[in-house]
């Protein structure tokens, strides 16, 4: 039996997009506790400061917008300067959306750029760096919205379906470079996207209808700490009583 079934994240250089809220913030805390060297970013200084104040570890943070080419360029300039390269990308930045006919044209296009184009741009920049060092790991946070196709989530589901298809195709293109690619698909999670009160969220978690963000962060750690020859392509995680429609 192979003994080295897990890998350490200590000292790994990780770019975590959207690490200021929700799943991203819980993941930031979990990765820092493992001894990783992390760069994260969000769109607002206040939430970035709040996230960083809750962390013990080697973490850098900047304000940047994943929806813009300028934002991605800024982020990867800091990846090179602050981290000296990248071993792992965890792409988590995402926005909620309304049905497309209820959104202004500029608004739904912005969601596409933040949720999908930003992931692709980060993946491209990470791959160009990873292939020079002989490998790495790309992990994309998707959603089970691609499976349940609930009314009201047309734009959001489209972005997450795009991420899923991109990731599962990309892994076939970069595996020979030593780069692993995986997607995690959470169900209902206690994040700012939920349109309910904090009290309602707590009740939903207690009843098994919603997951704490920390549970998804734990699953992300599991995916990232498998041995080098093990690639978890897709992991679906949801509360016991997940609503599927």
C-alpha atoms as a PDB file:
ATOM      1  CA  UNK A   1       0.000   0.000   0.000  1.00  0.00           C
ATOM      2  CA  UNK A   2       1.242   3.500  -0.815  1.00  0.00           C
ATOM      3  CA  UNK A   3       2.230   5.299   2.378  1.00  0.00           C
ATOM      4  CA  UNK A   4       2.228   8.917   1.165  1.00  0.00           C
ATOM      5  CA  UNK A   5      -1.488   9.384   0.663  1.00  0.00           C
ATOM      6  CA  UNK A   6      -1.476  13.001   1.745  1.00  0.00           C
ATOM      7  CA  UNK A   7       0.615  16.080   1.084  1.00  0.00           C
ATOM      8  CA  UNK A   8       1.444  19.011   3.360  1.00  0.00           C
ATOM      9  CA  UNK A   9       0.390  22.561   2.550  1.00  0.00           C
ATOM     10  CA  UNK A  10       3.061  24.053   4.789  1.00  0.00           C
ATOM     11  CA  UNK A  11       5.048  26.613   2.817  1.00  0.00           C
ATOM     12  CA  UNK A  12       2.920  26.206  -0.317  1.00  0.00           C
ATOM     13  CA  UNK A  13       2.377  29.415  -2.243  1.00  0.00           C
ATOM     14  CA  UNK A  14      -1.362  29.811  -2.713  1.00  0.00           C
ATOM     15  CA  UNK A  15      -3.453  32.398  -4.517  1.00  0.00           C
ATOM     16  CA  UNK A  16      -6.975  32.407  -3.103  1.00  0.00           C
ATOM     17  CA  UNK A  17      -9.440  34.553  -5.016  1.00  0.00           C
ATOM     18  CA  UNK A  18     -12.387  35.968  -3.095  1.00  0.00           C
ATOM     19  CA  UNK A  19     -10.911  35.205   0.309  1.00  0.00           C
ATOM     20  CA  UNK A  20     -12.728  38.024   2.074  1.00  0.00           C
ATOM     21  CA  UNK A  21     -16.230  36.567   2.486  1.00  0.00           C
ATOM     22  CA  UNK A  22     -18.148  33.296   2.712  1.00  0.00           C
ATOM     23  CA  UNK A  23     -16.427  30.109   1.579  1.00  0.00           C
ATOM     24  CA  UNK A  24     -13.348  32.085   0.585  1.00  0.00           C
ATOM     25  CA  UNK A  25     -12.901  33.564   4.043  1.00  0.00           C
ATOM     26  CA  UNK A  26     -13.346  30.185   5.741  1.00  0.00           C
ATOM     27  CA  UNK A  27     -10.839  28.688   3.294  1.00  0.00           C
ATOM     28  CA  UNK A  28      -8.368  31.499   3.969  1.00  0.00           C
ATOM     29  CA  UNK A  29      -8.407  30.696   7.668  1.00  0.00           C
ATOM     30  CA  UNK A  30      -8.075  26.947   7.050  1.00  0.00           C
ATOM     31  CA  UNK A  31      -5.147  27.319   4.628  1.00  0.00           C
ATOM     32  CA  UNK A  32      -3.323  29.705   6.965  1.00  0.00           C
ATOM     33  CA  UNK A  33      -3.681  27.199   9.804  1.00  0.00           C
ATOM     34  CA  UNK A  34      -1.914  24.634   7.594  1.00  0.00           C
ATOM     35  CA  UNK A  35       1.119  26.916   7.254  1.00  0.00           C
ATOM     36  CA  UNK A  36       0.569  27.948   3.639  1.00  0.00           C
ATOM     37  CA  UNK A  37       1.846  31.255   2.266  1.00  0.00           C
ATOM     38  CA  UNK A  38      -1.235  32.956   0.877  1.00  0.00           C
ATOM     39  CA  UNK A  39      -2.174  35.928  -1.255  1.00  0.00           C
ATOM     40  CA  UNK A  40      -5.857  36.779  -1.386  1.00  0.00           C
ATOM     41  CA  UNK A  41      -7.922  39.645  -2.693  1.00  0.00           C
ATOM     42  CA  UNK A  42     -11.374  41.144  -2.736  1.00  0.00           C
ATOM     43  CA  UNK A  43     -13.078  44.206  -4.112  1.00  0.00           C
ATOM     44  CA  UNK A  44     -13.473  46.111  -0.837  1.00  0.00           C
ATOM     45  CA  UNK A  45     -10.817  47.240   1.634  1.00  0.00           C
ATOM     46  CA  UNK A  46     -13.125  46.941   4.655  1.00  0.00           C
ATOM     47  CA  UNK A  47     -13.967  43.267   4.151  1.00  0.00           C
ATOM     48  CA  UNK A  48     -10.330  42.522   3.257  1.00  0.00           C
ATOM     49  CA  UNK A  49      -9.163  44.089   6.522  1.00  0.00           C
ATOM     50  CA  UNK A  50     -11.768  42.127   8.476  1.00  0.00           C
ATOM     51  CA  UNK A  51     -10.690  38.835   6.901  1.00  0.00           C
ATOM     52  CA  UNK A  52      -6.987  39.445   7.492  1.00  0.00           C
ATOM     53  CA  UNK A  53      -7.537  40.491  11.112  1.00  0.00           C
ATOM     54  CA  UNK A  54      -8.904  37.016  11.855  1.00  0.00           C
ATOM     55  CA  UNK A  55      -5.847  35.169  10.519  1.00  0.00           C
ATOM     56  CA  UNK A  56      -2.732  33.780  12.163  1.00  0.00           C
ATOM     57  CA  UNK A  57      -0.196  32.941   9.473  1.00  0.00           C
ATOM     58  CA  UNK A  58       1.616  34.184   6.400  1.00  0.00           C
ATOM     59  CA  UNK A  59      -1.111  35.989   4.482  1.00  0.00           C
ATOM     60  CA  UNK A  60      -0.995  38.976   2.142  1.00  0.00           C
ATOM     61  CA  UNK A  61      -4.058  40.761   0.842  1.00  0.00           C
ATOM     62  CA  UNK A  62      -4.823  43.367  -1.794  1.00  0.00           C
ATOM     63  CA  UNK A  63      -7.898  45.091  -3.203  1.00  0.00           C
ATOM     64  CA  UNK A  64      -8.491  44.009  -6.789  1.00  0.00           C
ATOM     65  CA  UNK A  65     -11.358  43.108  -9.117  1.00  0.00           C
ATOM     66  CA  UNK A  66     -11.340  39.648 -10.695  1.00  0.00           C
ATOM     67  CA  UNK A  67     -13.811  40.840 -13.319  1.00  0.00           C
ATOM     68  CA  UNK A  68     -11.218  43.034 -15.029  1.00  0.00           C
ATOM     69  CA  UNK A  69      -8.056  42.291 -16.966  1.00  0.00           C
ATOM     70  CA  UNK A  70      -6.329  45.044 -14.997  1.00  0.00           C
ATOM     71  CA  UNK A  71      -7.340  43.421 -11.725  1.00  0.00           C
ATOM     72  CA  UNK A  72      -5.923  40.031 -12.723  1.00  0.00           C
ATOM     73  CA  UNK A  73      -2.701  41.642 -13.918  1.00  0.00           C
ATOM     74  CA  UNK A  74      -2.399  43.454 -10.590  1.00  0.00           C
ATOM     75  CA  UNK A  75      -2.996  40.242  -8.636  1.00  0.00           C
ATOM     76  CA  UNK A  76      -0.384  38.201 -10.481  1.00  0.00           C
ATOM     77  CA  UNK A  77       2.170  40.979 -10.208  1.00  0.00           C
ATOM     78  CA  UNK A  78       1.734  40.539  -6.459  1.00  0.00           C
ATOM     79  CA  UNK A  79       1.884  36.743  -6.790  1.00  0.00           C
ATOM     80  CA  UNK A  80       5.339  37.167  -8.308  1.00  0.00           C
ATOM     81  CA  UNK A  81       6.438  39.902  -5.900  1.00  0.00           C
ATOM     82  CA  UNK A  82       4.934  38.719  -2.600  1.00  0.00           C
ATOM     83  CA  UNK A  83       4.922  34.923  -3.038  1.00  0.00           C
ATOM     84  CA  UNK A  84       7.731  34.474  -5.546  1.00  0.00           C
ATOM     85  CA  UNK A  85       5.537  32.178  -7.643  1.00  0.00           C
ATOM     86  CA  UNK A  86       2.482  29.981  -7.246  1.00  0.00           C
ATOM     87  CA  UNK A  87       1.936  26.335  -6.316  1.00  0.00           C
ATOM     88  CA  UNK A  88      -1.854  26.359  -5.881  1.00  0.00           C
ATOM     89  CA  UNK A  89      -4.743  28.431  -7.179  1.00  0.00           C
ATOM     90  CA  UNK A  90      -8.050  28.278  -5.321  1.00  0.00           C
ATOM     91  CA  UNK A  91     -10.589  30.274  -7.352  1.00  0.00           C
ATOM     92  CA  UNK A  92     -13.511  31.232  -5.147  1.00  0.00           C
ATOM     93  CA  UNK A  93     -14.551  34.790  -6.043  1.00  0.00           C
ATOM     94  CA  UNK A  94     -18.166  34.908  -7.184  1.00  0.00           C
ATOM     95  CA  UNK A  95     -21.255  37.088  -7.246  1.00  0.00           C
ATOM     96  CA  UNK A  96     -24.918  36.171  -7.075  1.00  0.00           C
ATOM     97  CA  UNK A  97     -27.328  37.251  -9.800  1.00  0.00           C
ATOM     98  CA  UNK A  98     -30.985  37.594 -10.718  1.00  0.00           C
ATOM     99  CA  UNK A  99     -32.709  36.119 -13.789  1.00  0.00           C
ATOM    100  CA  UNK A 100     -31.152  37.673 -16.864  1.00  0.00           C
ATOM    101  CA  UNK A 101     -34.304  39.570 -17.900  1.00  0.00           C
ATOM    102  CA  UNK A 102     -34.351  41.275 -14.496  1.00  0.00           C
ATOM    103  CA  UNK A 103     -30.780  42.583 -14.769  1.00  0.00           C
ATOM    104  CA  UNK A 104     -29.346  45.542 -16.628  1.00  0.00           C
ATOM    105  CA  UNK A 105     -27.118  44.543 -19.535  1.00  0.00           C
ATOM    106  CA  UNK A 106     -23.964  45.811 -17.845  1.00  0.00           C
ATOM    107  CA  UNK A 107     -24.828  44.008 -14.598  1.00  0.00           C
ATOM    108  CA  UNK A 108     -25.232  40.479 -15.969  1.00  0.00           C
ATOM    109  CA  UNK A 109     -22.115  40.922 -18.106  1.00  0.00           C
ATOM    110  CA  UNK A 110     -20.200  41.945 -14.990  1.00  0.00           C
ATOM    111  CA  UNK A 111     -21.319  38.780 -13.186  1.00  0.00           C
ATOM    112  CA  UNK A 112     -20.089  36.673 -16.119  1.00  0.00           C
ATOM    113  CA  UNK A 113     -16.734  38.439 -16.006  1.00  0.00           C
ATOM    114  CA  UNK A 114     -16.407  38.027 -12.231  1.00  0.00           C
ATOM    115  CA  UNK A 115     -17.651  34.435 -11.957  1.00  0.00           C
ATOM    116  CA  UNK A 116     -16.333  32.882 -15.163  1.00  0.00           C
ATOM    117  CA  UNK A 117     -13.916  35.064 -17.125  1.00  0.00           C
ATOM    118  CA  UNK A 118     -12.005  35.845 -13.931  1.00  0.00           C
ATOM    119  CA  UNK A 119     -11.555  32.128 -13.229  1.00  0.00           C
ATOM    120  CA  UNK A 120     -10.240  31.499 -16.730  1.00  0.00           C
ATOM    121  CA  UNK A 121      -7.882  34.462 -16.554  1.00  0.00           C
ATOM    122  CA  UNK A 122      -6.501  33.352 -13.192  1.00  0.00           C
ATOM    123  CA  UNK A 123      -6.092  29.789 -14.470  1.00  0.00           C
ATOM    124  CA  UNK A 124      -4.180  30.960 -17.530  1.00  0.00           C
ATOM    125  CA  UNK A 125      -1.820  33.151 -15.504  1.00  0.00           C
ATOM    126  CA  UNK A 126      -1.276  30.373 -12.963  1.00  0.00           C
ATOM    127  CA  UNK A 127      -0.600  27.721 -15.617  1.00  0.00           C
ATOM    128  CA  UNK A 128       2.013  29.889 -17.344  1.00  0.00           C
ATOM    129  CA  UNK A 129       3.875  30.040 -14.044  1.00  0.00           C
ATOM    130  CA  UNK A 130       3.256  26.460 -12.916  1.00  0.00           C
ATOM    131  CA  UNK A 131       4.487  24.826 -16.109  1.00  0.00           C
ATOM    132  CA  UNK A 132       7.876  26.508 -15.647  1.00  0.00           C
ATOM    133  CA  UNK A 133       8.289  24.924 -12.209  1.00  0.00           C
ATOM    134  CA  UNK A 134       6.952  21.514 -13.248  1.00  0.00           C
ATOM    135  CA  UNK A 135       3.486  21.383 -11.754  1.00  0.00           C
ATOM    136  CA  UNK A 136       0.804  22.794  -9.505  1.00  0.00           C
ATOM    137  CA  UNK A 137      -2.836  22.525  -8.539  1.00  0.00           C
ATOM    138  CA  UNK A 138      -5.895  24.456  -9.728  1.00  0.00           C
ATOM    139  CA  UNK A 139      -9.072  24.165  -7.658  1.00  0.00           C
ATOM    140  CA  UNK A 140     -12.269  25.898  -8.739  1.00  0.00           C
ATOM    141  CA  UNK A 141     -15.254  26.483  -6.468  1.00  0.00           C
ATOM    142  CA  UNK A 142     -18.346  25.711  -8.505  1.00  0.00           C
ATOM    143  CA  UNK A 143     -21.909  25.002  -7.374  1.00  0.00           C
ATOM    144  CA  UNK A 144     -24.606  22.346  -7.561  1.00  0.00           C
ATOM    145  CA  UNK A 145     -26.696  25.034  -9.264  1.00  0.00           C
ATOM    146  CA  UNK A 146     -25.368  23.502 -12.475  1.00  0.00           C
ATOM    147  CA  UNK A 147     -27.259  20.313 -11.579  1.00  0.00           C
ATOM    148  CA  UNK A 148     -30.463  21.569  -9.961  1.00  0.00           C
ATOM    149  CA  UNK A 149     -31.109  24.495 -12.354  1.00  0.00           C
ATOM    150  CA  UNK A 150     -33.367  26.333  -9.912  1.00  0.00           C
ATOM    151  CA  UNK A 151     -35.570  29.160 -11.145  1.00  0.00           C
ATOM    152  CA  UNK A 152     -33.975  32.532 -10.509  1.00  0.00           C
ATOM    153  CA  UNK A 153     -30.406  31.293 -11.011  1.00  0.00           C
ATOM    154  CA  UNK A 154     -30.076  31.378 -14.786  1.00  0.00           C
ATOM    155  CA  UNK A 155     -27.058  33.702 -14.948  1.00  0.00           C
ATOM    156  CA  UNK A 156     -25.351  32.274 -11.864  1.00  0.00           C
ATOM    157  CA  UNK A 157     -25.887  28.680 -13.002  1.00  0.00           C
ATOM    158  CA  UNK A 158     -24.485  29.511 -16.431  1.00  0.00           C
ATOM    159  CA  UNK A 159     -21.241  30.758 -14.882  1.00  0.00           C
ATOM    160  CA  UNK A 160     -20.885  27.732 -12.638  1.00  0.00           C
ATOM    161  CA  UNK A 161     -21.659  25.311 -15.476  1.00  0.00           C
ATOM    162  CA  UNK A 162     -18.977  27.059 -17.506  1.00  0.00           C
ATOM    163  CA  UNK A 163     -16.460  26.598 -14.692  1.00  0.00           C
ATOM    164  CA  UNK A 164     -17.322  22.908 -14.436  1.00  0.00           C
ATOM    165  CA  UNK A 165     -16.902  22.257 -18.156  1.00  0.00           C
ATOM    166  CA  UNK A 166     -13.754  24.366 -18.320  1.00  0.00           C
ATOM    167  CA  UNK A 167     -12.100  22.565 -15.420  1.00  0.00           C
ATOM    168  CA  UNK A 168     -12.866  19.028 -16.533  1.00  0.00           C
ATOM    169  CA  UNK A 169     -11.592  19.804 -20.040  1.00  0.00           C
ATOM    170  CA  UNK A 170      -8.584  21.798 -18.882  1.00  0.00           C
ATOM    171  CA  UNK A 171      -7.284  18.953 -16.729  1.00  0.00           C
ATOM    172  CA  UNK A 172      -6.829  16.854 -19.870  1.00  0.00           C
ATOM    173  CA  UNK A 173      -4.779  19.650 -21.396  1.00  0.00           C
ATOM    174  CA  UNK A 174      -2.394  20.249 -18.497  1.00  0.00           C
ATOM    175  CA  UNK A 175      -2.031  16.885 -16.747  1.00  0.00           C
ATOM    176  CA  UNK A 176       1.165  16.164 -18.671  1.00  0.00           C
ATOM    177  CA  UNK A 177       2.585  19.366 -17.181  1.00  0.00           C
ATOM    178  CA  UNK A 178       2.091  17.995 -13.682  1.00  0.00           C
ATOM    179  CA  UNK A 179      -0.845  20.319 -13.040  1.00  0.00           C
ATOM    180  CA  UNK A 180      -3.899  18.924 -11.282  1.00  0.00           C
ATOM    181  CA  UNK A 181      -7.359  20.448 -11.790  1.00  0.00           C
ATOM    182  CA  UNK A 182     -10.471  19.926  -9.713  1.00  0.00           C
ATOM    183  CA  UNK A 183     -13.903  21.403  -9.000  1.00  0.00           C
ATOM    184  CA  UNK A 184     -15.815  21.435  -5.737  1.00  0.00           C
ATOM    185  CA  UNK A 185     -19.594  21.827  -6.035  1.00  0.00           C
ATOM    186  CA  UNK A 186     -21.163  23.037  -2.794  1.00  0.00           C
ATOM    187  CA  UNK A 187     -24.869  22.995  -2.162  1.00  0.00           C
ATOM    188  CA  UNK A 188     -26.584  25.476   0.132  1.00  0.00           C
ATOM    189  CA  UNK A 189     -23.944  27.224   2.284  1.00  0.00           C
ATOM    190  CA  UNK A 190     -24.086  29.900   4.960  1.00  0.00           C
ATOM    191  CA  UNK A 191     -22.700  32.845   2.951  1.00  0.00           C
ATOM    192  CA  UNK A 192     -23.636  36.422   2.167  1.00  0.00           C
ATOM    193  CA  UNK A 193     -25.415  35.220  -0.995  1.00  0.00           C
ATOM    194  CA  UNK A 194     -28.200  33.666   1.062  1.00  0.00           C
ATOM    195  CA  UNK A 195     -31.247  35.916   1.098  1.00  0.00           C
ATOM    196  CA  UNK A 196     -32.216  35.200   4.684  1.00  0.00           C
ATOM    197  CA  UNK A 197     -31.409  36.497   8.157  1.00  0.00           C
ATOM    198  CA  UNK A 198     -28.575  35.242  10.352  1.00  0.00           C
ATOM    199  CA  UNK A 199     -31.161  33.629  12.609  1.00  0.00           C
ATOM    200  CA  UNK A 200     -32.694  31.798   9.660  1.00  0.00           C
ATOM    201  CA  UNK A 201     -29.244  30.630   8.564  1.00  0.00           C
ATOM    202  CA  UNK A 202     -28.491  29.239  12.014  1.00  0.00           C
ATOM    203  CA  UNK A 203     -31.808  27.387  12.016  1.00  0.00           C
ATOM    204  CA  UNK A 204     -31.134  25.982   8.540  1.00  0.00           C
ATOM    205  CA  UNK A 205     -27.705  24.701   9.625  1.00  0.00           C
ATOM    206  CA  UNK A 206     -29.158  23.110  12.763  1.00  0.00           C
ATOM    207  CA  UNK A 207     -31.866  21.395  10.693  1.00  0.00           C
ATOM    208  CA  UNK A 208     -29.427  20.079   8.074  1.00  0.00           C
ATOM    209  CA  UNK A 209     -30.673  22.352   5.285  1.00  0.00           C
ATOM    210  CA  UNK A 210     -27.503  24.443   5.013  1.00  0.00           C
ATOM    211  CA  UNK A 211     -23.766  23.907   5.502  1.00  0.00           C
ATOM    212  CA  UNK A 212     -21.444  26.194   7.439  1.00  0.00           C
ATOM    213  CA  UNK A 213     -18.788  27.644   5.127  1.00  0.00           C
ATOM    214  CA  UNK A 214     -16.152  25.910   7.263  1.00  0.00           C
ATOM    215  CA  UNK A 215     -17.397  22.502   6.110  1.00  0.00           C
ATOM    216  CA  UNK A 216     -16.700  23.440   2.499  1.00  0.00           C
ATOM    217  CA  UNK A 217     -13.275  24.760   3.506  1.00  0.00           C
ATOM    218  CA  UNK A 218     -12.545  21.378   5.105  1.00  0.00           C
ATOM    219  CA  UNK A 219     -13.460  19.655   1.838  1.00  0.00           C
ATOM    220  CA  UNK A 220     -11.183  22.020  -0.081  1.00  0.00           C
ATOM    221  CA  UNK A 221      -8.314  21.096   2.251  1.00  0.00           C
ATOM    222  CA  UNK A 222      -9.045  17.426   1.592  1.00  0.00           C
ATOM    223  CA  UNK A 223      -8.806  17.962  -2.168  1.00  0.00           C
ATOM    224  CA  UNK A 224      -5.569  19.924  -1.904  1.00  0.00           C
ATOM    225  CA  UNK A 225      -3.793  17.483   0.382  1.00  0.00           C
ATOM    226  CA  UNK A 226      -4.074  14.295  -1.655  1.00  0.00           C
ATOM    227  CA  UNK A 227      -0.846  12.775  -2.985  1.00  0.00           C
ATOM    228  CA  UNK A 228       0.687  14.213  -6.159  1.00  0.00           C
ATOM    229  CA  UNK A 229      -0.666  11.456  -8.423  1.00  0.00           C
ATOM    230  CA  UNK A 230      -4.235  11.722  -7.117  1.00  0.00           C
ATOM    231  CA  UNK A 231      -6.514  14.251  -8.803  1.00  0.00           C
ATOM    232  CA  UNK A 232      -9.987  14.693  -7.316  1.00  0.00           C
ATOM    233  CA  UNK A 233     -11.755  15.882 -10.436  1.00  0.00           C
ATOM    234  CA  UNK A 234     -15.135  16.738  -8.943  1.00  0.00           C
ATOM    235  CA  UNK A 235     -16.375  16.738  -5.360  1.00  0.00           C
ATOM    236  CA  UNK A 236     -20.025  17.495  -4.606  1.00  0.00           C
ATOM    237  CA  UNK A 237     -20.823  18.504  -1.036  1.00  0.00           C
ATOM    238  CA  UNK A 238     -24.267  19.453   0.240  1.00  0.00           C
ATOM    239  CA  UNK A 239     -26.317  19.522   3.434  1.00  0.00           C
ATOM    240  CA  UNK A 240     -28.281  16.453   4.390  1.00  0.00           C
ATOM    241  CA  UNK A 241     -31.607  18.038   3.402  1.00  0.00           C
ATOM    242  CA  UNK A 242     -30.487  19.934   0.316  1.00  0.00           C
ATOM    243  CA  UNK A 243     -33.268  21.578  -1.674  1.00  0.00           C
ATOM    244  CA  UNK A 244     -32.881  20.462  -5.288  1.00  0.00           C
ATOM    245  CA  UNK A 245     -35.476  22.537  -7.061  1.00  0.00           C
END
